[in-house]
N, C-alpha and C. Protein backbone atom coordinates (compact mmCIF):
# COMPACT_ATOMS: atom_id res chain seq x y z
N MET A 1 3.18 -1.50 19.79
CA MET A 1 2.15 -2.34 20.35
C MET A 1 0.80 -1.93 19.72
N PRO A 2 0.05 -2.89 19.22
CA PRO A 2 -1.23 -2.55 18.57
C PRO A 2 -2.25 -2.00 19.57
N THR A 3 -3.15 -1.21 19.05
CA THR A 3 -4.23 -0.67 19.89
C THR A 3 -5.48 -1.54 19.84
N VAL A 4 -5.44 -2.57 19.00
CA VAL A 4 -6.55 -3.52 18.88
C VAL A 4 -5.99 -4.94 18.92
N SER A 5 -6.85 -5.89 19.20
CA SER A 5 -6.44 -7.29 19.14
C SER A 5 -6.31 -7.72 17.69
N LEU A 6 -5.32 -8.56 17.42
CA LEU A 6 -5.17 -9.13 16.09
C LEU A 6 -5.98 -10.42 16.05
N ILE A 7 -6.90 -10.50 15.11
CA ILE A 7 -7.84 -11.62 15.04
C ILE A 7 -7.26 -12.74 14.17
N GLU A 8 -6.94 -13.85 14.80
CA GLU A 8 -6.43 -15.01 14.08
C GLU A 8 -7.60 -15.74 13.42
N TYR A 9 -7.31 -16.51 12.39
CA TYR A 9 -8.33 -17.22 11.65
C TYR A 9 -9.22 -18.07 12.55
N GLU A 10 -8.60 -18.83 13.45
CA GLU A 10 -9.38 -19.74 14.30
C GLU A 10 -10.30 -19.01 15.28
N ASP A 11 -10.02 -17.73 15.53
CA ASP A 11 -10.85 -16.93 16.44
C ASP A 11 -11.82 -16.02 15.71
N ALA A 12 -11.78 -16.04 14.39
CA ALA A 12 -12.55 -15.10 13.58
C ALA A 12 -14.01 -15.53 13.42
N SER A 13 -14.83 -14.51 13.23
CA SER A 13 -16.25 -14.75 12.93
C SER A 13 -16.36 -15.30 11.50
N PRO A 14 -17.51 -15.86 11.14
CA PRO A 14 -17.69 -16.35 9.77
C PRO A 14 -17.48 -15.24 8.72
N ALA A 15 -17.90 -14.02 9.01
CA ALA A 15 -17.74 -12.92 8.05
C ALA A 15 -16.26 -12.61 7.84
N VAL A 16 -15.50 -12.63 8.92
CA VAL A 16 -14.06 -12.36 8.82
C VAL A 16 -13.36 -13.52 8.11
N ARG A 17 -13.74 -14.74 8.43
CA ARG A 17 -13.13 -15.90 7.76
C ARG A 17 -13.37 -15.85 6.25
N GLU A 18 -14.53 -15.38 5.85
CA GLU A 18 -14.84 -15.28 4.42
C GLU A 18 -13.85 -14.34 3.73
N VAL A 19 -13.56 -13.21 4.36
CA VAL A 19 -12.59 -12.26 3.79
C VAL A 19 -11.19 -12.87 3.83
N TYR A 20 -10.81 -13.45 4.94
CA TYR A 20 -9.51 -14.11 5.03
C TYR A 20 -9.34 -15.15 3.92
N ASP A 21 -10.38 -15.93 3.69
CA ASP A 21 -10.33 -16.95 2.64
C ASP A 21 -10.12 -16.32 1.27
N ASP A 22 -10.76 -15.17 1.03
CA ASP A 22 -10.59 -14.48 -0.25
C ASP A 22 -9.18 -13.91 -0.37
N ILE A 23 -8.65 -13.37 0.72
CA ILE A 23 -7.27 -12.88 0.71
C ILE A 23 -6.33 -14.02 0.35
N ARG A 24 -6.49 -15.14 1.00
CA ARG A 24 -5.64 -16.30 0.74
C ARG A 24 -5.76 -16.78 -0.70
N ALA A 25 -6.98 -16.85 -1.21
CA ALA A 25 -7.19 -17.31 -2.58
C ALA A 25 -6.62 -16.32 -3.59
N THR A 26 -6.86 -15.05 -3.38
CA THR A 26 -6.39 -14.02 -4.30
C THR A 26 -4.87 -13.97 -4.34
N ARG A 27 -4.26 -14.06 -3.17
CA ARG A 27 -2.80 -13.96 -3.07
C ARG A 27 -2.09 -15.31 -3.19
N LYS A 28 -2.86 -16.36 -3.31
CA LYS A 28 -2.31 -17.72 -3.42
C LYS A 28 -1.32 -18.01 -2.29
N THR A 29 -1.80 -17.81 -1.07
CA THR A 29 -0.99 -18.03 0.13
C THR A 29 -1.91 -18.40 1.29
N THR A 30 -1.32 -18.88 2.35
CA THR A 30 -2.08 -19.13 3.58
C THR A 30 -1.86 -17.99 4.58
N PHE A 31 -0.94 -17.07 4.26
CA PHE A 31 -0.55 -16.00 5.16
C PHE A 31 -1.58 -14.86 5.17
N ILE A 32 -2.00 -14.48 6.36
CA ILE A 32 -2.83 -13.28 6.56
C ILE A 32 -1.97 -12.33 7.38
N ASN A 33 -1.69 -11.14 6.84
CA ASN A 33 -0.79 -10.24 7.55
C ASN A 33 -1.53 -9.47 8.66
N ASN A 34 -0.74 -8.85 9.51
CA ASN A 34 -1.27 -8.19 10.70
C ASN A 34 -2.22 -7.04 10.39
N PHE A 35 -2.06 -6.38 9.25
CA PHE A 35 -2.99 -5.30 8.89
C PHE A 35 -4.42 -5.84 8.81
N TRP A 36 -4.57 -6.95 8.09
CA TRP A 36 -5.91 -7.53 7.94
C TRP A 36 -6.42 -8.07 9.27
N LYS A 37 -5.53 -8.65 10.06
CA LYS A 37 -5.91 -9.16 11.38
C LYS A 37 -6.38 -8.03 12.30
N ALA A 38 -5.76 -6.88 12.18
CA ALA A 38 -6.18 -5.72 12.99
C ALA A 38 -7.53 -5.18 12.51
N LEU A 39 -7.70 -5.09 11.20
CA LEU A 39 -8.97 -4.60 10.66
C LEU A 39 -10.13 -5.53 11.00
N ALA A 40 -9.83 -6.79 11.28
CA ALA A 40 -10.87 -7.79 11.54
C ALA A 40 -11.65 -7.53 12.81
N VAL A 41 -11.22 -6.57 13.63
CA VAL A 41 -12.04 -6.22 14.80
C VAL A 41 -13.37 -5.62 14.36
N ASN A 42 -13.44 -5.17 13.10
CA ASN A 42 -14.67 -4.64 12.51
C ASN A 42 -14.83 -5.32 11.15
N ALA A 43 -15.63 -6.36 11.12
CA ALA A 43 -15.77 -7.18 9.91
C ALA A 43 -16.18 -6.38 8.68
N ALA A 44 -17.06 -5.40 8.86
CA ALA A 44 -17.50 -4.59 7.72
C ALA A 44 -16.36 -3.74 7.17
N GLN A 45 -15.57 -3.16 8.06
CA GLN A 45 -14.43 -2.35 7.60
C GLN A 45 -13.38 -3.23 6.94
N LEU A 46 -13.14 -4.41 7.49
CA LEU A 46 -12.21 -5.36 6.88
C LEU A 46 -12.64 -5.66 5.45
N ALA A 47 -13.88 -6.03 5.27
CA ALA A 47 -14.39 -6.38 3.94
C ALA A 47 -14.32 -5.19 2.99
N ARG A 48 -14.75 -4.04 3.44
CA ARG A 48 -14.75 -2.83 2.62
C ARG A 48 -13.32 -2.51 2.16
N THR A 49 -12.37 -2.55 3.09
CA THR A 49 -10.99 -2.21 2.77
C THR A 49 -10.35 -3.25 1.86
N TRP A 50 -10.57 -4.54 2.17
CA TRP A 50 -9.99 -5.59 1.34
C TRP A 50 -10.50 -5.53 -0.09
N PHE A 51 -11.81 -5.43 -0.27
CA PHE A 51 -12.35 -5.47 -1.62
C PHE A 51 -11.98 -4.23 -2.41
N ALA A 52 -11.85 -3.07 -1.76
CA ALA A 52 -11.38 -1.86 -2.43
C ALA A 52 -9.91 -2.01 -2.84
N ALA A 53 -9.07 -2.51 -1.92
CA ALA A 53 -7.65 -2.70 -2.23
C ALA A 53 -7.48 -3.74 -3.34
N LYS A 54 -8.26 -4.80 -3.28
CA LYS A 54 -8.19 -5.86 -4.29
C LYS A 54 -8.51 -5.28 -5.67
N GLU A 55 -9.51 -4.42 -5.74
CA GLU A 55 -9.90 -3.81 -7.02
C GLU A 55 -8.83 -2.84 -7.52
N VAL A 56 -8.35 -1.96 -6.64
CA VAL A 56 -7.37 -0.96 -7.04
C VAL A 56 -6.05 -1.59 -7.45
N MET A 57 -5.62 -2.63 -6.74
CA MET A 57 -4.31 -3.23 -7.00
C MET A 57 -4.37 -4.32 -8.09
N ALA A 58 -5.55 -4.60 -8.61
CA ALA A 58 -5.69 -5.59 -9.68
C ALA A 58 -5.03 -5.08 -10.95
N PRO A 59 -4.65 -5.99 -11.86
CA PRO A 59 -4.07 -5.55 -13.12
C PRO A 59 -4.99 -4.56 -13.84
N GLY A 60 -4.37 -3.57 -14.43
CA GLY A 60 -5.12 -2.54 -15.15
C GLY A 60 -4.20 -1.81 -16.10
N ALA A 61 -4.42 -0.51 -16.28
CA ALA A 61 -3.57 0.29 -17.15
C ALA A 61 -2.15 0.37 -16.61
N LEU A 62 -2.01 0.31 -15.28
CA LEU A 62 -0.70 0.26 -14.64
C LEU A 62 -0.39 -1.19 -14.28
N ASP A 63 0.84 -1.60 -14.52
CA ASP A 63 1.21 -2.98 -14.19
C ASP A 63 1.34 -3.12 -12.68
N PRO A 64 1.24 -4.35 -12.16
CA PRO A 64 1.26 -4.57 -10.71
C PRO A 64 2.52 -4.03 -10.00
N LEU A 65 3.69 -4.12 -10.61
CA LEU A 65 4.89 -3.61 -9.98
C LEU A 65 4.84 -2.09 -9.87
N THR A 66 4.38 -1.41 -10.91
CA THR A 66 4.26 0.05 -10.86
C THR A 66 3.32 0.46 -9.73
N LYS A 67 2.22 -0.26 -9.56
CA LYS A 67 1.29 0.06 -8.48
C LYS A 67 1.97 -0.09 -7.12
N GLU A 68 2.78 -1.12 -6.95
CA GLU A 68 3.49 -1.30 -5.69
C GLU A 68 4.51 -0.18 -5.46
N LEU A 69 5.20 0.24 -6.52
CA LEU A 69 6.17 1.33 -6.39
C LEU A 69 5.47 2.63 -5.97
N ILE A 70 4.32 2.89 -6.54
CA ILE A 70 3.54 4.07 -6.14
C ILE A 70 3.13 3.94 -4.67
N TYR A 71 2.69 2.75 -4.30
CA TYR A 71 2.26 2.53 -2.91
C TYR A 71 3.42 2.77 -1.94
N ILE A 72 4.63 2.33 -2.32
CA ILE A 72 5.80 2.57 -1.48
C ILE A 72 6.03 4.07 -1.33
N ALA A 73 6.00 4.80 -2.44
CA ALA A 73 6.25 6.25 -2.40
C ALA A 73 5.24 6.97 -1.52
N VAL A 74 3.97 6.64 -1.65
CA VAL A 74 2.94 7.28 -0.83
C VAL A 74 3.13 6.89 0.64
N SER A 75 3.49 5.65 0.88
CA SER A 75 3.72 5.19 2.25
C SER A 75 4.89 5.91 2.90
N VAL A 76 5.94 6.17 2.12
CA VAL A 76 7.07 6.96 2.63
C VAL A 76 6.60 8.37 2.96
N ALA A 77 5.84 8.98 2.06
CA ALA A 77 5.34 10.34 2.28
C ALA A 77 4.46 10.41 3.53
N ASN A 78 3.70 9.34 3.77
CA ASN A 78 2.81 9.31 4.93
C ASN A 78 3.49 8.75 6.18
N LYS A 79 4.76 8.36 6.05
CA LYS A 79 5.55 7.82 7.16
C LYS A 79 4.91 6.57 7.78
N CYS A 80 4.36 5.70 6.92
CA CYS A 80 3.74 4.46 7.39
C CYS A 80 4.74 3.32 7.31
N GLU A 81 5.40 3.05 8.43
CA GLU A 81 6.43 2.02 8.46
C GLU A 81 5.89 0.66 8.00
N TYR A 82 4.71 0.30 8.49
CA TYR A 82 4.13 -0.99 8.12
C TYR A 82 3.95 -1.09 6.61
N CYS A 83 3.35 -0.07 6.01
CA CYS A 83 3.08 -0.10 4.57
C CYS A 83 4.35 -0.06 3.74
N ILE A 84 5.36 0.69 4.21
CA ILE A 84 6.65 0.72 3.49
C ILE A 84 7.20 -0.70 3.41
N HIS A 85 7.22 -1.40 4.54
CA HIS A 85 7.77 -2.75 4.57
C HIS A 85 6.91 -3.74 3.77
N SER A 86 5.60 -3.69 3.96
CA SER A 86 4.76 -4.69 3.29
C SER A 86 4.74 -4.49 1.78
N HIS A 87 4.72 -3.25 1.32
CA HIS A 87 4.67 -3.02 -0.13
C HIS A 87 6.04 -3.14 -0.77
N THR A 88 7.12 -2.93 0.00
CA THR A 88 8.46 -3.23 -0.53
C THR A 88 8.58 -4.74 -0.73
N ALA A 89 8.10 -5.52 0.22
CA ALA A 89 8.11 -6.98 0.06
C ALA A 89 7.25 -7.40 -1.13
N ALA A 90 6.09 -6.77 -1.28
CA ALA A 90 5.21 -7.11 -2.40
C ALA A 90 5.86 -6.73 -3.73
N ALA A 91 6.54 -5.59 -3.77
CA ALA A 91 7.23 -5.17 -5.01
C ALA A 91 8.35 -6.15 -5.35
N ARG A 92 9.09 -6.57 -4.33
CA ARG A 92 10.15 -7.55 -4.58
C ARG A 92 9.55 -8.86 -5.12
N ALA A 93 8.42 -9.26 -4.57
CA ALA A 93 7.76 -10.49 -5.04
C ALA A 93 7.27 -10.34 -6.48
N LYS A 94 7.02 -9.11 -6.90
CA LYS A 94 6.57 -8.85 -8.27
C LYS A 94 7.74 -8.55 -9.20
N GLY A 95 8.96 -8.72 -8.71
CA GLY A 95 10.12 -8.62 -9.58
C GLY A 95 10.99 -7.39 -9.41
N MET A 96 10.72 -6.53 -8.45
CA MET A 96 11.53 -5.34 -8.26
C MET A 96 12.97 -5.74 -7.94
N THR A 97 13.91 -5.16 -8.65
CA THR A 97 15.32 -5.44 -8.42
C THR A 97 15.89 -4.44 -7.41
N ASP A 98 17.08 -4.74 -6.90
CA ASP A 98 17.77 -3.80 -6.00
C ASP A 98 18.04 -2.48 -6.71
N GLU A 99 18.39 -2.57 -8.00
CA GLU A 99 18.65 -1.36 -8.79
C GLU A 99 17.38 -0.51 -8.90
N GLN A 100 16.24 -1.13 -9.17
CA GLN A 100 14.98 -0.39 -9.25
C GLN A 100 14.63 0.24 -7.91
N TYR A 101 14.87 -0.51 -6.81
CA TYR A 101 14.56 0.02 -5.49
C TYR A 101 15.44 1.23 -5.16
N GLY A 102 16.71 1.13 -5.50
CA GLY A 102 17.61 2.26 -5.28
C GLY A 102 17.18 3.48 -6.06
N GLU A 103 16.77 3.27 -7.30
CA GLU A 103 16.30 4.39 -8.13
C GLU A 103 15.00 4.97 -7.59
N LEU A 104 14.10 4.09 -7.14
CA LEU A 104 12.85 4.56 -6.53
C LEU A 104 13.16 5.46 -5.32
N LEU A 105 14.07 5.00 -4.46
CA LEU A 105 14.41 5.79 -3.27
C LEU A 105 15.03 7.13 -3.67
N ALA A 106 15.82 7.16 -4.75
CA ALA A 106 16.39 8.41 -5.22
C ALA A 106 15.29 9.37 -5.69
N VAL A 107 14.31 8.84 -6.41
CA VAL A 107 13.19 9.67 -6.88
C VAL A 107 12.38 10.20 -5.69
N ILE A 108 12.09 9.32 -4.72
CA ILE A 108 11.35 9.74 -3.53
C ILE A 108 12.12 10.84 -2.79
N GLY A 109 13.42 10.64 -2.61
CA GLY A 109 14.24 11.64 -1.94
C GLY A 109 14.25 12.96 -2.67
N MET A 110 14.38 12.91 -4.00
CA MET A 110 14.37 14.13 -4.81
C MET A 110 13.02 14.83 -4.71
N ALA A 111 11.95 14.06 -4.77
CA ALA A 111 10.61 14.65 -4.68
C ALA A 111 10.41 15.34 -3.33
N HIS A 112 10.86 14.68 -2.25
CA HIS A 112 10.75 15.31 -0.92
C HIS A 112 11.51 16.63 -0.90
N SER A 113 12.70 16.64 -1.47
CA SER A 113 13.54 17.83 -1.47
C SER A 113 12.90 18.97 -2.27
N THR A 114 12.53 18.66 -3.52
CA THR A 114 11.97 19.72 -4.36
C THR A 114 10.58 20.14 -3.90
N ASN A 115 9.79 19.20 -3.37
CA ASN A 115 8.49 19.56 -2.81
C ASN A 115 8.66 20.54 -1.67
N GLY A 116 9.64 20.26 -0.80
CA GLY A 116 9.90 21.15 0.33
C GLY A 116 10.34 22.53 -0.13
N LEU A 117 11.20 22.59 -1.13
CA LEU A 117 11.66 23.89 -1.62
C LEU A 117 10.52 24.70 -2.25
N VAL A 118 9.77 24.06 -3.14
CA VAL A 118 8.71 24.79 -3.84
C VAL A 118 7.60 25.22 -2.87
N THR A 119 7.33 24.38 -1.86
CA THR A 119 6.33 24.73 -0.85
C THR A 119 6.82 25.88 0.01
N SER A 120 8.09 25.83 0.41
CA SER A 120 8.67 26.89 1.25
C SER A 120 8.65 28.24 0.53
N MET A 121 8.92 28.20 -0.77
CA MET A 121 8.98 29.45 -1.54
C MET A 121 7.63 29.85 -2.12
N GLN A 122 6.61 28.94 -1.99
CA GLN A 122 5.28 29.22 -2.53
C GLN A 122 5.35 29.63 -4.00
N VAL A 123 6.06 28.83 -4.80
CA VAL A 123 6.22 29.09 -6.22
C VAL A 123 4.87 28.90 -6.91
N PRO A 124 4.42 29.91 -7.69
CA PRO A 124 3.14 29.75 -8.39
C PRO A 124 3.25 28.72 -9.51
N VAL A 125 2.15 28.00 -9.73
CA VAL A 125 2.11 26.97 -10.77
C VAL A 125 2.07 27.64 -12.14
N ASP A 126 2.92 27.18 -13.04
CA ASP A 126 2.93 27.70 -14.41
C ASP A 126 1.61 27.35 -15.10
N GLU A 127 1.07 28.29 -15.84
CA GLU A 127 -0.20 28.10 -16.54
C GLU A 127 -0.17 26.89 -17.48
N VAL A 128 0.98 26.62 -18.12
CA VAL A 128 1.07 25.51 -19.07
C VAL A 128 0.92 24.15 -18.38
N PHE A 129 1.11 24.09 -17.04
CA PHE A 129 0.97 22.84 -16.32
C PHE A 129 -0.46 22.55 -15.91
N LYS A 130 -1.33 23.52 -15.98
CA LYS A 130 -2.71 23.37 -15.51
C LYS A 130 -3.57 22.72 -16.59
N VAL A 131 -4.45 21.82 -16.17
CA VAL A 131 -5.38 21.17 -17.08
C VAL A 131 -6.42 22.18 -17.52
N LYS A 132 -6.68 22.20 -18.80
CA LYS A 132 -7.64 23.18 -19.34
C LYS A 132 -8.89 22.52 -19.82
């Protein structure tokens, strides 16, 4: 159950509607997901978060699917159920196959395992791995 009201378009302030309109235009959809509706309780935070996410997730040196795969991995590490589901859907929309998803989950699982081992043993970082 959310701790804030989800702001629907018809109930939104002009500032929130402006962001919603940009989300719709950028994503070429009429759908506004619950994350944005929850953030809309604070129009400034909604705008700040949307425009930062829009910039970071825009095409760049990393292709859009790779960015979604990274987002999934970080969301798993942070145990964010909402983000795992929304970014898995976004990755699928960007062409992620079942085989790629299975491999991603294997990498995430391996990273969790080896991270836990190295952290438990407090293994010192090799000098050759450090940026000089």
